[in-house]
Amino acid sequence: MGGDFAPIQTLKGAILAKKELDDQDKLVLFGPKNIISEKLIEHGENVADYQIVDCSQTIEMSEDPVKAFIAKTDSSITKGFYYLQNDLIDGFASAGSTGAMLVGATKVIGLIDGVLRPCISSHYPNDEGQDNLILDVGINSDSKPEQLVQFAQLGSLFAKHIMHIDNPKVALLNIGEEENKGNSVVKEAYQLLKNESSINFVGNVEGGDLYKNSRVNVIVCNGFTGNIVLKLAESFYNILADRNIKDPFFEGFNYENFGGTPILGTKKTIVVGHGKSSDIAIKNMILLTGKIIKSKLCEKTIKTFNYDKN
């Protein structure tokens, strides 16, 4: 029931995703069983092909996420995190309340030992026809220098294992390329990043460098700055679409192509979708979740932070 166009677009996206998932993959749907079953039948699907977890409640976008998560124990988000916590599912994705997803991610699943703050990322098209990665794009409006270093580590791992970029180039978003530019937080973060051996730090980049593949693969910033960059990028796509201008580069700003973003730094795979998700976006959100699970990104992140209990 998550997203502005639920349940129709959500279920259509699930149907599309199931056609592309491997035979051994299992898709679990959380929500009102009667509605899900009815809509699946309407679209010619066999209900038995899906595992449905009946949920009588929905956390609305307008509700306080913490209070709603605690009070609505039969909501799809709350139940989904229960299933994830108890290893009944391997990953959980939703286009519902981002706040409630964050509550579940941090309070139920928890952060990897050593990770200070979770973050979310976004793809940014580059001039080689591929994608760069920018993070954080919304969770942390203010970030300490050591948190920015961890965002760099988390982004580098994602770029390597999910985007398949060998030795990704990591840069700090700043108002100039010089080492002494920026505010006190960015200056201190630069010094920490320069001495961090686990990443390939290439220095500062300006806003005009975000698309240059030769310069950078992973762009690090606080969530306040990153969210502005993300929404400005989305506006480029919307303006061109309104003017019926089509270009492969600007299609890279279309969030539907990616579907969602993982909450990086948590112990298990959690993906948050756009509130305005269409069926295509939902499909891609589900496929991304499966891709992250199979890459064992969480396990590799745990190892990177030197807390691998094995």
Protein backbone atom coordinates (compact mmCIF):
# COMPACT_ATOMS: atom_id res chain seq x y z
CA MET A 1 0.00 0.00 0.00
CA GLY A 2 3.04 2.30 -0.18
CA GLY A 3 3.36 5.14 -2.65
CA ASP A 4 1.02 7.67 -4.18
CA PHE A 5 -0.43 5.22 -6.71
CA ALA A 6 -0.88 2.14 -4.52
CA PRO A 7 -2.13 -0.51 -4.68
CA ILE A 8 -2.53 -0.68 -8.48
CA GLN A 9 0.92 0.51 -9.55
CA THR A 10 2.62 -1.36 -6.70
CA LEU A 11 1.03 -4.67 -7.69
CA LYS A 12 1.64 -4.09 -11.40
CA GLY A 13 5.29 -3.45 -10.56
CA ALA A 14 5.45 -6.65 -8.52
CA ILE A 15 3.99 -8.61 -11.43
CA LEU A 16 6.56 -7.12 -13.82
CA ALA A 17 9.39 -7.88 -11.39
CA LYS A 18 8.33 -11.48 -10.92
CA LYS A 19 8.68 -12.06 -14.65
CA GLU A 20 12.35 -11.04 -14.43
CA LEU A 21 13.30 -12.70 -11.15
CA ASP A 22 15.03 -16.06 -11.15
CA ASP A 23 12.88 -19.15 -10.64
CA GLN A 24 14.30 -19.77 -7.18
CA ASP A 25 13.52 -16.23 -6.01
CA LYS A 26 10.42 -15.73 -3.87
CA LEU A 27 8.43 -12.49 -3.91
CA VAL A 28 6.61 -11.74 -0.65
CA LEU A 29 3.84 -9.12 -0.68
CA PHE A 30 2.78 -7.30 2.52
CA GLY A 31 -0.68 -5.75 2.64
CA PRO A 32 -4.43 -6.51 2.74
CA LYS A 33 -4.66 -10.06 1.41
CA ASN A 34 -8.14 -9.61 -0.07
CA ILE A 35 -7.10 -6.55 -2.09
CA ILE A 36 -3.84 -8.11 -3.25
CA SER A 37 -5.53 -11.34 -4.29
CA GLU A 38 -8.33 -9.52 -6.11
CA LYS A 39 -5.93 -7.29 -8.07
CA LEU A 40 -3.61 -10.18 -8.96
CA ILE A 41 -6.56 -12.11 -10.40
CA GLU A 42 -7.70 -9.02 -12.32
CA HIS A 43 -4.27 -8.94 -13.99
CA GLY A 44 -4.39 -12.62 -14.88
CA GLU A 45 -1.98 -13.79 -12.19
CA ASN A 46 -2.05 -16.99 -10.18
CA VAL A 47 -2.32 -15.92 -6.54
CA ALA A 48 -0.54 -19.11 -5.48
CA ASP A 49 2.62 -17.87 -7.22
CA TYR A 50 2.99 -15.16 -4.59
CA GLN A 51 3.44 -15.32 -0.84
CA ILE A 52 1.06 -12.82 0.74
CA VAL A 53 1.40 -11.59 4.33
CA ASP A 54 -1.95 -10.14 5.41
CA CYS A 55 -1.68 -6.67 6.96
CA SER A 56 -4.72 -4.71 8.12
CA GLN A 57 -3.01 -1.35 8.68
CA THR A 58 -1.12 1.22 6.61
CA ILE A 59 1.28 3.91 7.84
CA GLU A 60 0.24 7.08 6.04
CA MET A 61 2.75 9.62 4.74
CA SER A 62 1.26 12.32 6.99
CA GLU A 63 1.68 10.34 10.21
CA ASP A 64 4.52 10.69 12.70
CA PRO A 65 6.74 7.78 11.61
CA VAL A 66 7.95 6.79 15.07
CA LYS A 67 4.51 6.84 16.69
CA ALA A 68 2.87 5.11 13.74
CA PHE A 69 5.53 2.40 13.57
CA ILE A 70 5.03 1.59 17.25
CA ALA A 71 1.22 1.86 17.27
CA LYS A 72 0.45 0.12 13.98
CA THR A 73 1.88 -3.31 14.66
CA ASP A 74 -0.18 -4.82 11.83
CA SER A 75 1.03 -2.37 9.19
CA SER A 76 2.89 -3.68 6.15
CA ILE A 77 6.07 -1.77 7.05
CA THR A 78 6.13 -2.94 10.67
CA LYS A 79 5.43 -6.55 9.67
CA GLY A 80 7.97 -6.39 6.87
CA PHE A 81 10.71 -5.45 9.31
CA TYR A 82 9.61 -8.24 11.65
CA TYR A 83 10.03 -10.71 8.80
CA LEU A 84 13.42 -9.23 7.88
CA GLN A 85 14.62 -9.26 11.49
CA ASN A 86 13.70 -12.92 11.83
CA ASP A 87 15.27 -13.99 8.51
CA LEU A 88 11.91 -14.85 6.94
CA ILE A 89 12.89 -12.60 4.05
CA ASP A 90 16.36 -11.54 2.83
CA GLY A 91 15.50 -7.98 1.83
CA PHE A 92 12.66 -5.50 2.28
CA ALA A 93 11.59 -2.72 -0.11
CA SER A 94 8.80 -0.15 0.07
CA ALA A 95 7.68 3.09 -1.57
CA GLY A 96 5.74 3.92 1.58
CA SER A 97 6.65 6.28 4.41
CA THR A 98 10.39 6.96 4.24
CA GLY A 99 10.34 8.00 7.89
CA ALA A 100 8.81 4.69 8.96
CA MET A 101 11.32 2.81 6.81
CA LEU A 102 14.13 4.63 8.59
CA VAL A 103 12.65 3.82 11.98
CA GLY A 104 12.55 0.13 11.08
CA ALA A 105 16.02 0.23 9.56
CA THR A 106 17.68 1.83 12.58
CA LYS A 107 15.56 0.62 15.52
CA VAL A 108 14.62 -2.90 14.41
CA ILE A 109 17.42 -4.02 12.07
CA GLY A 110 20.13 -1.71 13.34
CA LEU A 111 23.34 -0.29 11.94
CA ILE A 112 26.45 -2.29 11.24
CA ASP A 113 28.80 -2.07 14.22
CA GLY A 114 31.07 0.89 13.68
CA VAL A 115 28.75 2.77 11.31
CA LEU A 116 27.81 6.13 12.81
CA ARG A 117 24.86 7.07 10.57
CA PRO A 118 23.01 5.41 7.68
CA CYS A 119 22.75 7.21 4.36
CA ILE A 120 20.97 6.98 1.02
CA SER A 121 22.38 7.54 -2.45
CA SER A 122 21.29 8.44 -5.95
CA HIS A 123 22.63 7.73 -9.41
CA TYR A 124 23.88 10.68 -11.49
CA PRO A 125 24.46 10.15 -15.25
CA ASN A 126 27.97 10.76 -16.54
CA ASP A 127 29.49 11.63 -19.90
CA GLU A 128 30.48 8.00 -20.60
CA GLY A 129 26.88 6.81 -20.77
CA GLN A 130 27.08 5.24 -17.32
CA ASP A 131 26.31 6.49 -13.82
CA ASN A 132 28.08 8.18 -10.97
CA LEU A 133 26.83 7.90 -7.39
CA ILE A 134 26.09 10.74 -4.98
CA LEU A 135 25.46 10.36 -1.24
CA ASP A 136 24.01 11.28 1.21
CA VAL A 137 20.90 12.62 -0.53
CA GLY A 138 18.51 13.16 2.31
CA ILE A 139 18.84 11.43 5.66
CA ASN A 140 21.58 13.56 7.26
CA SER A 141 21.07 17.29 6.80
CA ASP A 142 24.16 17.97 8.89
CA SER A 143 27.13 15.62 8.88
CA LYS A 144 30.32 15.49 10.90
CA PRO A 145 33.65 14.98 9.09
CA GLU A 146 33.98 11.37 10.25
CA GLN A 147 30.45 10.65 8.97
CA LEU A 148 31.37 11.97 5.53
CA VAL A 149 34.32 9.58 5.52
CA GLN A 150 31.97 6.69 6.22
CA PHE A 151 29.63 7.82 3.44
CA ALA A 152 32.65 7.65 1.16
CA GLN A 153 33.37 4.10 2.30
CA LEU A 154 29.74 3.00 1.92
CA GLY A 155 29.46 4.62 -1.51
CA SER A 156 32.71 3.07 -2.67
CA LEU A 157 31.48 -0.40 -1.68
CA PHE A 158 28.17 0.14 -3.50
CA ALA A 159 29.94 1.39 -6.61
CA LYS A 160 32.29 -1.58 -6.61
CA HIS A 161 29.87 -4.42 -5.89
CA ILE A 162 26.59 -3.15 -7.38
CA MET A 163 27.73 -0.80 -10.16
CA HIS A 164 30.79 -2.96 -10.94
CA ILE A 165 33.29 -0.08 -10.96
CA ASP A 166 36.80 -1.24 -10.14
CA ASN A 167 38.60 1.03 -7.67
CA PRO A 168 35.94 3.80 -7.82
CA LYS A 169 37.17 7.38 -7.69
CA VAL A 170 35.72 9.09 -4.60
CA ALA A 171 35.49 12.88 -4.31
CA LEU A 172 34.15 15.43 -1.86
CA LEU A 173 31.59 17.93 -3.20
CA ASN A 174 32.92 21.43 -2.52
CA ILE A 175 32.92 25.03 -3.75
CA GLY A 176 36.36 24.61 -5.25
CA GLU A 177 38.96 21.99 -6.12
CA GLU A 178 41.65 23.34 -3.81
CA GLU A 179 42.34 21.52 -0.55
CA ASN A 180 41.75 24.62 1.56
CA LYS A 181 38.28 25.40 0.14
CA GLY A 182 34.98 24.95 1.93
CA ASN A 183 33.64 25.24 5.45
CA SER A 184 35.30 23.78 8.53
CA VAL A 185 33.46 20.43 8.26
CA VAL A 186 34.44 19.87 4.63
CA LYS A 187 38.05 20.94 5.27
CA GLU A 188 38.40 18.47 8.12
CA ALA A 189 36.68 15.74 6.11
CA TYR A 190 39.18 16.31 3.30
CA GLN A 191 42.11 15.62 5.62
CA LEU A 192 40.46 12.45 6.95
CA LEU A 193 39.59 11.22 3.46
CA LYS A 194 43.11 11.90 2.23
CA ASN A 195 44.42 9.47 4.84
CA GLU A 196 41.74 6.80 4.44
CA SER A 197 43.36 3.77 2.81
CA SER A 198 40.10 1.86 2.13
CA ILE A 199 38.98 4.26 -0.63
CA ASN A 200 40.45 5.88 -3.74
CA PHE A 201 40.07 9.53 -2.73
CA VAL A 202 40.72 11.97 -5.60
CA GLY A 203 40.05 15.29 -3.85
CA ASN A 204 37.35 17.92 -4.21
CA VAL A 205 34.90 18.30 -7.09
CA GLU A 206 32.63 21.22 -7.88
CA GLY A 207 29.00 21.07 -9.00
CA GLY A 208 30.07 21.26 -12.64
CA ASP A 209 32.14 18.08 -12.29
CA LEU A 210 29.40 15.71 -11.12
CA TYR A 211 28.93 14.21 -14.58
CA LYS A 212 32.61 13.79 -15.46
CA ASN A 213 33.45 10.09 -15.37
CA SER A 214 37.14 10.88 -15.82
CA ARG A 215 37.10 12.85 -12.56
CA VAL A 216 34.81 10.99 -10.20
CA ASN A 217 32.58 7.94 -9.64
CA VAL A 218 31.35 8.57 -6.09
CA ILE A 219 30.45 12.07 -4.86
CA VAL A 220 30.24 12.63 -1.09
CA CYS A 221 28.26 15.38 0.63
CA ASN A 222 25.81 15.93 3.49
CA GLY A 223 22.14 15.11 2.98
CA PHE A 224 21.06 18.75 2.79
CA THR A 225 23.31 19.46 -0.19
CA GLY A 226 22.74 16.05 -1.77
CA ASN A 227 18.96 16.34 -1.66
CA ILE A 228 19.09 19.72 -3.42
CA VAL A 229 21.38 18.26 -6.10
CA LEU A 230 19.07 15.26 -6.53
CA LYS A 231 15.88 17.31 -6.90
CA LEU A 232 17.57 19.77 -9.25
CA ALA A 233 18.68 16.82 -11.38
CA GLU A 234 15.14 15.42 -11.42
CA SER A 235 13.85 18.84 -12.51
CA PHE A 236 16.14 18.71 -15.59
CA TYR A 237 14.43 15.52 -16.66
CA ASN A 238 10.94 16.91 -15.99
CA ILE A 239 11.60 20.12 -17.94
CA LEU A 240 12.88 18.23 -20.97
CA ALA A 241 10.02 15.73 -20.79
CA ASP A 242 7.49 18.60 -20.69
CA ARG A 243 9.12 20.04 -23.80
CA ASN A 244 9.16 16.63 -25.49
CA ILE A 245 12.96 16.71 -25.78
CA LYS A 246 14.48 13.25 -25.69
CA ASP A 247 18.15 12.61 -25.03
CA PRO A 248 19.81 9.44 -23.68
CA PHE A 249 21.97 11.42 -21.24
CA PHE A 250 19.04 13.17 -19.56
CA GLU A 251 17.09 9.90 -19.40
CA GLY A 252 19.63 9.02 -16.72
CA PHE A 253 17.89 11.51 -14.42
CA ASN A 254 14.66 9.49 -14.56
CA TYR A 255 14.30 7.86 -11.13
CA GLU A 256 12.07 5.16 -12.61
CA ASN A 257 15.16 3.57 -14.15
CA PHE A 258 16.55 2.80 -10.68
CA GLY A 259 13.34 2.39 -8.69
CA GLY A 260 14.77 3.03 -5.26
CA THR A 261 17.80 3.53 -3.10
CA PRO A 262 19.22 1.24 -0.41
CA ILE A 263 19.69 2.49 3.12
CA LEU A 264 23.43 1.98 3.36
CA GLY A 265 25.06 1.03 6.64
CA THR A 266 22.32 -1.27 7.96
CA LYS A 267 22.83 -4.93 8.83
CA LYS A 268 20.35 -6.14 6.20
CA THR A 269 19.12 -5.11 2.75
CA ILE A 270 16.52 -2.33 2.88
CA VAL A 271 15.47 -0.32 -0.17
CA VAL A 272 13.32 2.82 -0.20
CA GLY A 273 11.30 3.72 -3.28
CA HIS A 274 10.09 7.09 -4.56
CA GLY A 275 6.66 8.13 -3.27
CA LYS A 276 5.53 8.77 -6.83
CA SER A 277 6.64 5.35 -8.04
CA SER A 278 5.02 3.95 -11.16
CA ASP A 279 4.85 0.24 -11.93
CA ILE A 280 8.21 0.48 -13.73
CA ALA A 281 9.81 2.13 -10.71
CA ILE A 282 8.38 -0.52 -8.38
CA LYS A 283 9.68 -3.26 -10.65
CA ASN A 284 13.17 -1.77 -10.64
CA MET A 285 13.05 -1.25 -6.87
CA ILE A 286 12.34 -4.97 -6.39
CA LEU A 287 15.02 -6.03 -8.87
CA LEU A 288 17.57 -3.74 -7.18
CA THR A 289 16.72 -5.31 -3.82
CA GLY A 290 17.39 -8.77 -5.25
CA LYS A 291 20.64 -7.61 -6.83
CA ILE A 292 21.91 -6.20 -3.54
CA ILE A 293 21.00 -9.38 -1.66
CA LYS A 294 22.83 -11.58 -4.15
CA SER A 295 25.90 -9.32 -4.13
CA LYS A 296 26.17 -9.81 -0.33
CA LEU A 297 26.78 -6.07 0.00
CA CYS A 298 25.81 -6.00 3.69
CA GLU A 299 28.22 -8.82 4.52
CA LYS A 300 31.02 -7.09 2.60
CA THR A 301 30.28 -3.82 4.37
CA ILE A 302 30.50 -5.55 7.74
CA LYS A 303 33.88 -6.97 6.77
CA THR A 304 35.11 -3.54 5.61
CA PHE A 305 34.26 -2.03 8.96
CA ASN A 306 36.28 -4.81 10.63
CA TYR A 307 33.38 -6.26 12.55
CA ASP A 308 33.10 -9.58 10.74
CA LYS A 309 32.29 -11.98 13.58
CA ASN A 310 33.33 -14.96 11.44
